[in-house]
Amino acid sequence: MSRFWSPGVAALVPYTPGEQPTDRTFVKLNTNENPYGPSPRAIEAIGAATGDALRLYPDPTAAALRTAIGARFGLGANHVFAGNGSDEVLAHAFHAFFRGKGELLFPDVTYSFYPTYCTLYGIPFRQVPLRADFSLDVDALAGPCAGIVIANPNAPTGIALPVAAIERVLQANPDVVVLVDEAYVDFGADSMVPLVARYDNLLVVQTFSKSRSLAGLRVGFAVGQPALIEGLTRIKDSFNSYPLDRLALAGALAAWEDTAWFDETRHKVMADRDRLTERLQARGFAVLPSAANFVFAAPSGIGAAEMLQALRVRGILVRHFAKGRTRDWLRISIGTAAECDRLLAEVDAITAA
């Protein structure tokens, strides 16, 4: 602690990202990165943008990208907000819509950045317990409250809700923003974006990091009715009016337009996820139904923490959320088919020892 800190800094519990080691080479199945590279068209566009124009500021409105995203959904650019990764978009949304309004509601097992945002912005929150099988009782998400946040598919469980379930939440809470975090939606879940035209309290957040393999570029976006987008823009322009640089704008636009690469790679991930699920279950693991690019699995006959360390020794990284209800479970990102096979071989070696 420093005497120079502002009040409240000492109380923050920062989000802990997945390990990114530099001391040796690992099979990285711990941070939900896409095992397949970005669209070649995105790489080409980024290269083309590395010219003299880098001395100029980028478009502060990200107009071309927002227009392209909106057009895909049959919406205008005024329905789309773009930011520096979905984490920044989420942070702006917490700031814009949930401060000073009472308790924010979200599940007790979900993306662990949500409590961090609440602490940062002084937002009281209540965590709604998931059922014993880690499914969400949407009827428990009801006011009075400041708003509701739902990761769909949920992280780290991978479980997705159908459109009708989210719609029940929207209808039950018409006077607060319902934020649906769709970081993993492209791996088999239904997006709530089609509901935006009918619900002025719905904000849907997505990212280019997962299904478009651009985690290193940091691009995210939100879709909602124009009044919500204006609120986000007011926060952005009071914080950093140029959040997306020229390379990010060029690469994201090209990746968005390359639907063939997007579909090919995400379907590979989905197929490998289903195969890995079956093979882990055959080895006695409990595996939750996943609509994401990872599985949430509990090993049999060995503790999750012990399995984590044994895999690390053998050069494979997975993620363990060691507290509370998730302590017996591992989140395993879907790698290439060869990386998944390597994981299974090491699991066999560990359990046979």
Protein backbone atom coordinates (compact mmCIF):
# COMPACT_ATOMS: atom_id res chain seq x y z
CA MET A 1 0.00 0.00 0.00
CA SER A 2 1.23 3.49 -0.83
CA ARG A 3 0.35 6.72 0.92
CA PHE A 4 -0.15 8.22 -2.54
CA TRP A 5 -3.07 5.96 -3.46
CA SER A 6 -6.52 7.46 -3.75
CA PRO A 7 -9.13 6.26 -1.27
CA GLY A 8 -10.55 2.92 -2.36
CA VAL A 9 -7.52 1.63 -4.28
CA ALA A 10 -6.47 -0.64 -1.42
CA ALA A 11 -9.92 -2.25 -1.40
CA LEU A 12 -9.73 -3.29 -5.05
CA VAL A 13 -9.29 -6.97 -5.85
CA PRO A 14 -8.08 -6.83 -9.47
CA TYR A 15 -9.14 -9.45 -11.98
CA THR A 16 -6.55 -12.20 -12.42
CA PRO A 17 -6.04 -13.12 -16.08
CA GLY A 18 -4.96 -16.57 -17.20
CA GLU A 19 -1.27 -17.35 -17.06
CA GLN A 20 0.80 -16.23 -20.06
CA PRO A 21 4.19 -17.84 -19.38
CA THR A 22 7.39 -16.84 -21.16
CA ASP A 23 9.85 -19.20 -19.48
CA ARG A 24 8.97 -22.28 -21.53
CA THR A 25 6.67 -23.54 -24.25
CA PHE A 26 3.31 -24.90 -23.15
CA VAL A 27 0.21 -26.26 -24.80
CA LYS A 28 -1.99 -23.34 -23.72
CA LEU A 29 -5.48 -24.52 -22.90
CA ASN A 30 -6.01 -21.98 -20.12
CA THR A 31 -7.14 -18.68 -21.66
CA ASN A 32 -9.77 -19.65 -24.26
CA GLU A 33 -7.66 -18.40 -27.14
CA ASN A 34 -8.68 -19.68 -30.55
CA PRO A 35 -6.23 -22.37 -31.75
CA TYR A 36 -6.65 -21.24 -35.35
CA GLY A 37 -5.13 -18.01 -36.56
CA PRO A 38 -6.96 -14.88 -37.66
CA SER A 39 -8.47 -14.55 -41.10
CA PRO A 40 -5.70 -14.13 -43.71
CA ARG A 41 -7.66 -11.14 -44.93
CA ALA A 42 -7.34 -9.59 -41.48
CA ILE A 43 -3.58 -10.12 -41.46
CA GLU A 44 -3.35 -8.56 -44.91
CA ALA A 45 -5.45 -5.57 -43.86
CA ILE A 46 -3.34 -4.98 -40.76
CA GLY A 47 -0.19 -5.04 -42.90
CA ALA A 48 -1.68 -2.60 -45.36
CA ALA A 49 -2.51 -0.22 -42.51
CA THR A 50 1.10 0.00 -41.29
CA GLY A 51 2.02 2.97 -43.43
CA ASP A 52 2.46 6.71 -43.12
CA ALA A 53 -1.14 7.07 -41.91
CA LEU A 54 -0.07 5.78 -38.49
CA ARG A 55 1.05 9.34 -37.71
CA LEU A 56 -2.64 10.31 -37.82
CA TYR A 57 -5.25 9.57 -35.20
CA PRO A 58 -7.72 6.80 -36.07
CA ASP A 59 -11.42 7.39 -36.64
CA PRO A 60 -12.75 8.08 -33.11
CA THR A 61 -16.18 6.80 -34.09
CA ALA A 62 -15.04 3.52 -35.70
CA ALA A 63 -17.70 4.30 -38.30
CA ALA A 64 -16.78 1.71 -40.94
CA LEU A 65 -16.60 -1.13 -38.42
CA ARG A 66 -19.80 -0.13 -36.65
CA THR A 67 -21.63 0.18 -39.96
CA ALA A 68 -20.50 -3.30 -41.05
CA ILE A 69 -21.49 -4.87 -37.73
CA GLY A 70 -24.87 -3.17 -37.75
CA ALA A 71 -25.57 -4.18 -41.35
CA ARG A 72 -25.00 -7.85 -40.49
CA PHE A 73 -27.79 -7.60 -37.96
CA GLY A 74 -30.10 -5.39 -40.01
CA LEU A 75 -29.33 -2.39 -37.79
CA GLY A 76 -27.73 0.99 -38.28
CA ALA A 77 -24.35 2.09 -36.98
CA ASN A 78 -26.18 4.03 -34.25
CA HIS A 79 -27.08 0.65 -32.72
CA VAL A 80 -23.41 -0.36 -32.36
CA PHE A 81 -20.61 0.70 -29.99
CA ALA A 82 -16.99 -0.38 -30.54
CA GLY A 83 -14.30 -0.49 -27.88
CA ASN A 84 -10.87 -1.75 -26.92
CA GLY A 85 -11.87 -5.35 -26.26
CA SER A 86 -15.16 -6.44 -24.75
CA ASP A 87 -13.68 -5.89 -21.28
CA GLU A 88 -13.51 -2.15 -21.93
CA VAL A 89 -17.02 -2.21 -23.39
CA LEU A 90 -18.25 -3.98 -20.25
CA ALA A 91 -16.45 -1.50 -18.01
CA HIS A 92 -18.10 1.42 -19.79
CA ALA A 93 -21.49 -0.28 -19.52
CA PHE A 94 -21.12 -0.80 -15.76
CA HIS A 95 -20.14 2.86 -15.45
CA ALA A 96 -22.92 4.15 -17.69
CA PHE A 97 -25.91 2.09 -16.59
CA PHE A 98 -25.43 0.63 -13.11
CA ARG A 99 -23.83 3.25 -10.84
CA GLY A 100 -25.97 4.83 -8.16
CA LYS A 101 -29.05 2.71 -8.83
CA GLY A 102 -28.94 0.00 -6.19
CA GLU A 103 -27.81 -3.61 -6.40
CA LEU A 104 -26.57 -5.17 -9.63
CA LEU A 105 -27.55 -8.83 -10.09
CA PHE A 106 -25.49 -11.57 -11.70
CA PRO A 107 -24.86 -15.30 -11.02
CA ASP A 108 -22.52 -16.44 -8.27
CA VAL A 109 -20.49 -18.51 -10.74
CA THR A 110 -19.72 -16.39 -13.78
CA TYR A 111 -17.06 -14.11 -15.30
CA SER A 112 -15.00 -12.98 -12.33
CA PHE A 113 -14.43 -9.50 -13.75
CA TYR A 114 -18.00 -8.48 -12.84
CA PRO A 115 -17.34 -8.09 -9.08
CA THR A 116 -14.13 -6.22 -9.92
CA TYR A 117 -16.02 -3.65 -12.00
CA CYS A 118 -18.55 -3.27 -9.18
CA THR A 119 -15.82 -2.57 -6.63
CA LEU A 120 -14.08 -0.14 -8.99
CA TYR A 121 -17.24 1.87 -9.62
CA GLY A 122 -18.80 1.54 -6.18
CA ILE A 123 -21.73 -0.58 -7.37
CA PRO A 124 -23.32 -2.84 -4.76
CA PHE A 125 -24.10 -6.29 -6.13
CA ARG A 126 -25.92 -9.49 -5.30
CA GLN A 127 -24.82 -12.82 -6.69
CA VAL A 128 -27.70 -15.15 -7.52
CA PRO A 129 -26.73 -18.78 -6.82
CA LEU A 130 -26.72 -21.18 -9.73
CA ARG A 131 -28.50 -24.47 -9.22
CA ALA A 132 -26.53 -27.54 -8.10
CA ASP A 133 -25.99 -28.49 -11.77
CA PHE A 134 -24.65 -24.97 -12.51
CA SER A 135 -27.74 -24.00 -14.52
CA LEU A 136 -29.29 -20.57 -13.99
CA ASP A 137 -32.78 -19.99 -12.63
CA VAL A 138 -33.61 -16.88 -14.67
CA ASP A 139 -36.70 -16.19 -12.57
CA ALA A 140 -34.37 -15.45 -9.65
CA LEU A 141 -32.98 -12.51 -11.62
CA ALA A 142 -35.63 -9.98 -10.72
CA GLY A 143 -35.71 -6.50 -9.23
CA PRO A 144 -35.78 -4.14 -7.66
CA CYS A 145 -32.20 -3.80 -8.81
CA ALA A 146 -29.76 -1.57 -10.70
CA GLY A 147 -29.51 -3.99 -13.60
CA ILE A 148 -28.76 -7.56 -14.55
CA VAL A 149 -25.68 -9.11 -16.19
CA ILE A 150 -25.78 -12.54 -17.82
CA ALA A 151 -22.83 -14.19 -19.56
CA ASN A 152 -24.36 -16.39 -22.26
CA PRO A 153 -22.80 -18.89 -22.68
CA ASN A 154 -21.73 -18.58 -19.08
CA ALA A 155 -18.09 -18.58 -18.07
CA PRO A 156 -16.55 -20.75 -16.76
CA THR A 157 -19.36 -23.30 -17.10
CA GLY A 158 -20.03 -22.99 -20.85
CA ILE A 159 -23.77 -23.46 -20.32
CA ALA A 160 -26.02 -21.42 -22.63
CA LEU A 161 -29.56 -20.14 -22.15
CA PRO A 162 -32.19 -20.13 -24.90
CA VAL A 163 -33.66 -16.91 -26.25
CA ALA A 164 -36.94 -17.46 -24.40
CA ALA A 165 -35.17 -17.52 -21.04
CA ILE A 166 -33.39 -14.21 -21.64
CA GLU A 167 -36.62 -12.73 -22.91
CA ARG A 168 -38.29 -13.61 -19.60
CA VAL A 169 -35.62 -11.63 -17.78
CA LEU A 170 -36.11 -8.65 -20.10
CA GLN A 171 -39.86 -8.69 -19.62
CA ALA A 172 -39.61 -9.02 -15.85
CA ASN A 173 -37.15 -6.10 -15.56
CA PRO A 174 -38.25 -3.46 -18.09
CA ASP A 175 -36.86 -0.48 -16.19
CA VAL A 176 -33.22 -1.55 -15.92
CA VAL A 177 -30.55 -2.57 -18.42
CA VAL A 178 -30.12 -6.30 -18.97
CA LEU A 179 -26.59 -6.82 -20.27
CA VAL A 180 -25.93 -10.11 -22.08
CA ASP A 181 -22.22 -10.87 -22.42
CA GLU A 182 -21.85 -13.03 -25.54
CA ALA A 183 -18.09 -13.51 -25.64
CA TYR A 184 -18.54 -17.19 -26.61
CA VAL A 185 -21.85 -17.08 -28.46
CA ASP A 186 -20.43 -18.06 -31.86
CA PHE A 187 -19.58 -21.58 -30.67
CA GLY A 188 -23.12 -22.88 -30.55
CA ALA A 189 -25.40 -20.54 -28.59
CA ASP A 190 -28.22 -18.29 -29.76
CA SER A 191 -27.45 -14.58 -29.87
CA MET A 192 -29.85 -12.12 -28.29
CA VAL A 193 -29.09 -9.42 -30.88
CA PRO A 194 -32.38 -10.11 -32.74
CA LEU A 195 -34.20 -8.99 -29.57
CA VAL A 196 -32.59 -5.53 -29.61
CA ALA A 197 -35.26 -4.04 -31.86
CA ARG A 198 -37.97 -5.03 -29.37
CA TYR A 199 -36.34 -4.29 -26.02
CA ASP A 200 -34.89 -0.88 -25.24
CA ASN A 201 -33.30 -2.27 -22.05
CA LEU A 202 -31.17 -4.92 -23.78
CA LEU A 203 -27.44 -4.47 -24.37
CA VAL A 204 -25.54 -7.32 -26.06
CA VAL A 205 -21.72 -7.37 -25.85
CA GLN A 206 -19.48 -9.44 -28.12
CA THR A 207 -15.77 -9.72 -28.87
CA PHE A 208 -13.38 -10.40 -31.74
CA SER A 209 -11.02 -12.25 -29.37
CA LYS A 210 -12.55 -15.72 -29.48
CA SER A 211 -14.38 -16.75 -32.64
CA ARG A 212 -12.38 -14.36 -34.83
CA SER A 213 -8.97 -15.18 -33.29
CA LEU A 214 -8.04 -11.56 -32.59
CA ALA A 215 -7.38 -11.65 -28.84
CA GLY A 216 -4.10 -9.82 -29.43
CA LEU A 217 -5.81 -6.97 -31.26
CA ARG A 218 -8.35 -6.05 -28.53
CA VAL A 219 -11.66 -5.29 -30.25
CA GLY A 220 -15.12 -5.65 -28.76
CA PHE A 221 -18.54 -4.18 -29.43
CA ALA A 222 -22.01 -3.71 -28.02
CA VAL A 223 -25.37 -3.75 -29.76
CA GLY A 224 -28.38 -1.95 -28.33
CA GLN A 225 -30.89 0.74 -29.05
CA PRO A 226 -29.39 4.18 -29.84
CA ALA A 227 -30.02 5.67 -26.39
CA LEU A 228 -27.85 2.97 -24.79
CA ILE A 229 -25.14 3.42 -27.42
CA GLU A 230 -25.13 7.15 -26.77
CA GLY A 231 -24.62 6.48 -23.06
CA LEU A 232 -21.59 4.30 -23.80
CA THR A 233 -20.21 6.90 -26.20
CA ARG A 234 -20.49 9.61 -23.55
CA ILE A 235 -18.40 7.49 -21.19
CA LYS A 236 -15.87 6.67 -23.91
CA ASP A 237 -15.43 10.26 -24.99
CA SER A 238 -14.91 11.30 -21.37
CA PHE A 239 -12.23 8.64 -20.92
CA ASN A 240 -10.45 7.91 -24.23
CA SER A 241 -11.97 9.15 -27.45
CA TYR A 242 -9.59 7.02 -29.59
CA PRO A 243 -9.83 3.51 -28.07
CA LEU A 244 -9.32 1.57 -31.32
CA ASP A 245 -6.16 2.20 -33.29
CA ARG A 246 -5.83 2.06 -37.07
CA LEU A 247 -4.49 -1.49 -37.09
CA ALA A 248 -7.29 -2.76 -34.89
CA LEU A 249 -9.95 -1.07 -37.02
CA ALA A 250 -8.49 -2.46 -40.25
CA GLY A 251 -8.02 -5.99 -38.94
CA ALA A 252 -11.40 -6.18 -37.25
CA LEU A 253 -13.28 -4.97 -40.32
CA ALA A 254 -11.53 -7.50 -42.57
CA ALA A 255 -12.15 -10.31 -40.07
CA TRP A 256 -15.83 -9.38 -39.80
CA GLU A 257 -16.24 -9.50 -43.56
CA ASP A 258 -14.47 -12.88 -43.95
CA THR A 259 -17.43 -15.04 -42.98
CA ALA A 260 -16.00 -18.13 -44.69
CA TRP A 261 -12.92 -18.22 -42.42
CA PHE A 262 -15.07 -17.43 -39.39
CA ASP A 263 -17.42 -20.33 -40.09
CA GLU A 264 -14.68 -22.81 -40.99
CA THR A 265 -12.62 -22.24 -37.85
CA ARG A 266 -15.44 -21.98 -35.33
CA HIS A 267 -16.97 -25.23 -36.59
CA LYS A 268 -13.59 -26.94 -36.17
CA VAL A 269 -13.52 -25.77 -32.56
CA MET A 270 -17.07 -26.97 -31.97
CA ALA A 271 -16.33 -30.41 -33.42
CA ASP A 272 -13.17 -30.78 -31.33
CA ARG A 273 -15.05 -29.63 -28.22
CA ASP A 274 -17.65 -32.34 -28.70
CA ARG A 275 -14.98 -34.99 -29.26
CA LEU A 276 -13.01 -33.86 -26.20
CA THR A 277 -16.18 -33.92 -24.09
CA GLU A 278 -16.92 -37.53 -25.08
CA ARG A 279 -13.36 -38.66 -24.43
CA LEU A 280 -13.11 -36.96 -21.04
CA GLN A 281 -16.43 -38.49 -20.02
CA ALA A 282 -15.13 -41.88 -21.09
CA ARG A 283 -12.28 -41.32 -18.63
CA GLY A 284 -14.68 -40.63 -15.77
CA PHE A 285 -14.69 -36.84 -15.90
CA ALA A 286 -17.90 -34.96 -15.24
CA VAL A 287 -18.28 -32.44 -18.10
CA LEU A 288 -20.95 -29.76 -18.29
CA PRO A 289 -22.76 -29.18 -21.60
CA SER A 290 -20.78 -26.44 -23.33
CA ALA A 291 -21.71 -23.98 -26.07
CA ALA A 292 -18.33 -22.24 -25.78
CA ASN A 293 -14.75 -22.85 -26.92
CA PHE A 294 -13.93 -24.59 -23.64
CA VAL A 295 -15.27 -27.32 -21.39
CA PHE A 296 -15.78 -27.26 -17.63
CA ALA A 297 -14.73 -30.65 -16.34
CA ALA A 298 -14.22 -32.34 -12.98
CA PRO A 299 -11.65 -35.16 -12.95
CA SER A 300 -12.38 -38.48 -11.27
CA GLY A 301 -10.09 -40.06 -8.72
CA ILE A 302 -7.80 -37.03 -8.50
CA GLY A 303 -8.43 -33.48 -7.30
CA ALA A 304 -8.66 -30.62 -9.76
CA ALA A 305 -5.72 -28.78 -8.18
CA GLU A 306 -3.58 -31.91 -8.35
CA MET A 307 -4.53 -32.50 -11.98
CA LEU A 308 -3.74 -28.87 -12.81
CA GLN A 309 -0.23 -29.13 -11.39
CA ALA A 310 0.45 -32.52 -12.93
CA LEU A 311 -0.57 -31.24 -16.36
CA ARG A 312 1.60 -28.16 -15.93
CA VAL A 313 4.64 -30.30 -15.17
CA ARG A 314 3.92 -32.11 -18.43
CA GLY A 315 3.69 -28.84 -20.40
CA ILE A 316 -0.07 -28.29 -20.54
CA LEU A 317 -1.86 -25.31 -19.00
CA VAL A 318 -5.52 -25.40 -17.99
CA ARG A 319 -7.45 -23.08 -15.64
CA HIS A 320 -8.60 -23.79 -12.10
CA PHE A 321 -10.93 -21.51 -10.13
CA ALA A 322 -10.00 -22.80 -6.73
CA LYS A 323 -12.60 -21.15 -4.51
CA GLY A 324 -16.05 -22.27 -3.48
CA ARG A 325 -18.26 -24.30 -5.78
CA THR A 326 -15.74 -24.48 -8.65
CA ARG A 327 -12.83 -25.92 -6.68
CA ASP A 328 -13.34 -29.44 -8.06
CA TRP A 329 -13.51 -28.29 -11.69
CA LEU A 330 -11.08 -27.33 -14.44
CA ARG A 331 -11.79 -25.08 -17.40
CA ILE A 332 -10.09 -26.51 -20.47
CA SER A 333 -9.86 -24.43 -23.64
CA ILE A 334 -10.31 -26.23 -26.92
CA GLY A 335 -7.05 -26.47 -28.81
CA THR A 336 -6.31 -28.11 -32.12
CA ALA A 337 -7.20 -31.78 -32.51
CA ALA A 338 -3.54 -32.63 -31.88
CA GLU A 339 -3.44 -30.51 -28.71
CA CYS A 340 -6.61 -32.15 -27.40
CA ASP A 341 -5.10 -35.58 -28.09
CA ARG A 342 -1.95 -34.53 -26.22
CA LEU A 343 -4.09 -33.46 -23.25
CA LEU A 344 -5.86 -36.82 -23.18
CA ALA A 345 -2.58 -38.72 -23.38
CA GLU A 346 -1.18 -36.77 -20.44
CA VAL A 347 -4.38 -37.31 -18.45
CA ASP A 348 -4.00 -41.04 -19.04
CA ALA A 349 -0.38 -40.93 -17.89
CA ILE A 350 -1.29 -38.98 -14.74
CA THR A 351 -4.16 -41.26 -13.74
CA ALA A 352 -2.11 -44.38 -14.44
CA ALA A 353 0.76 -43.26 -12.22
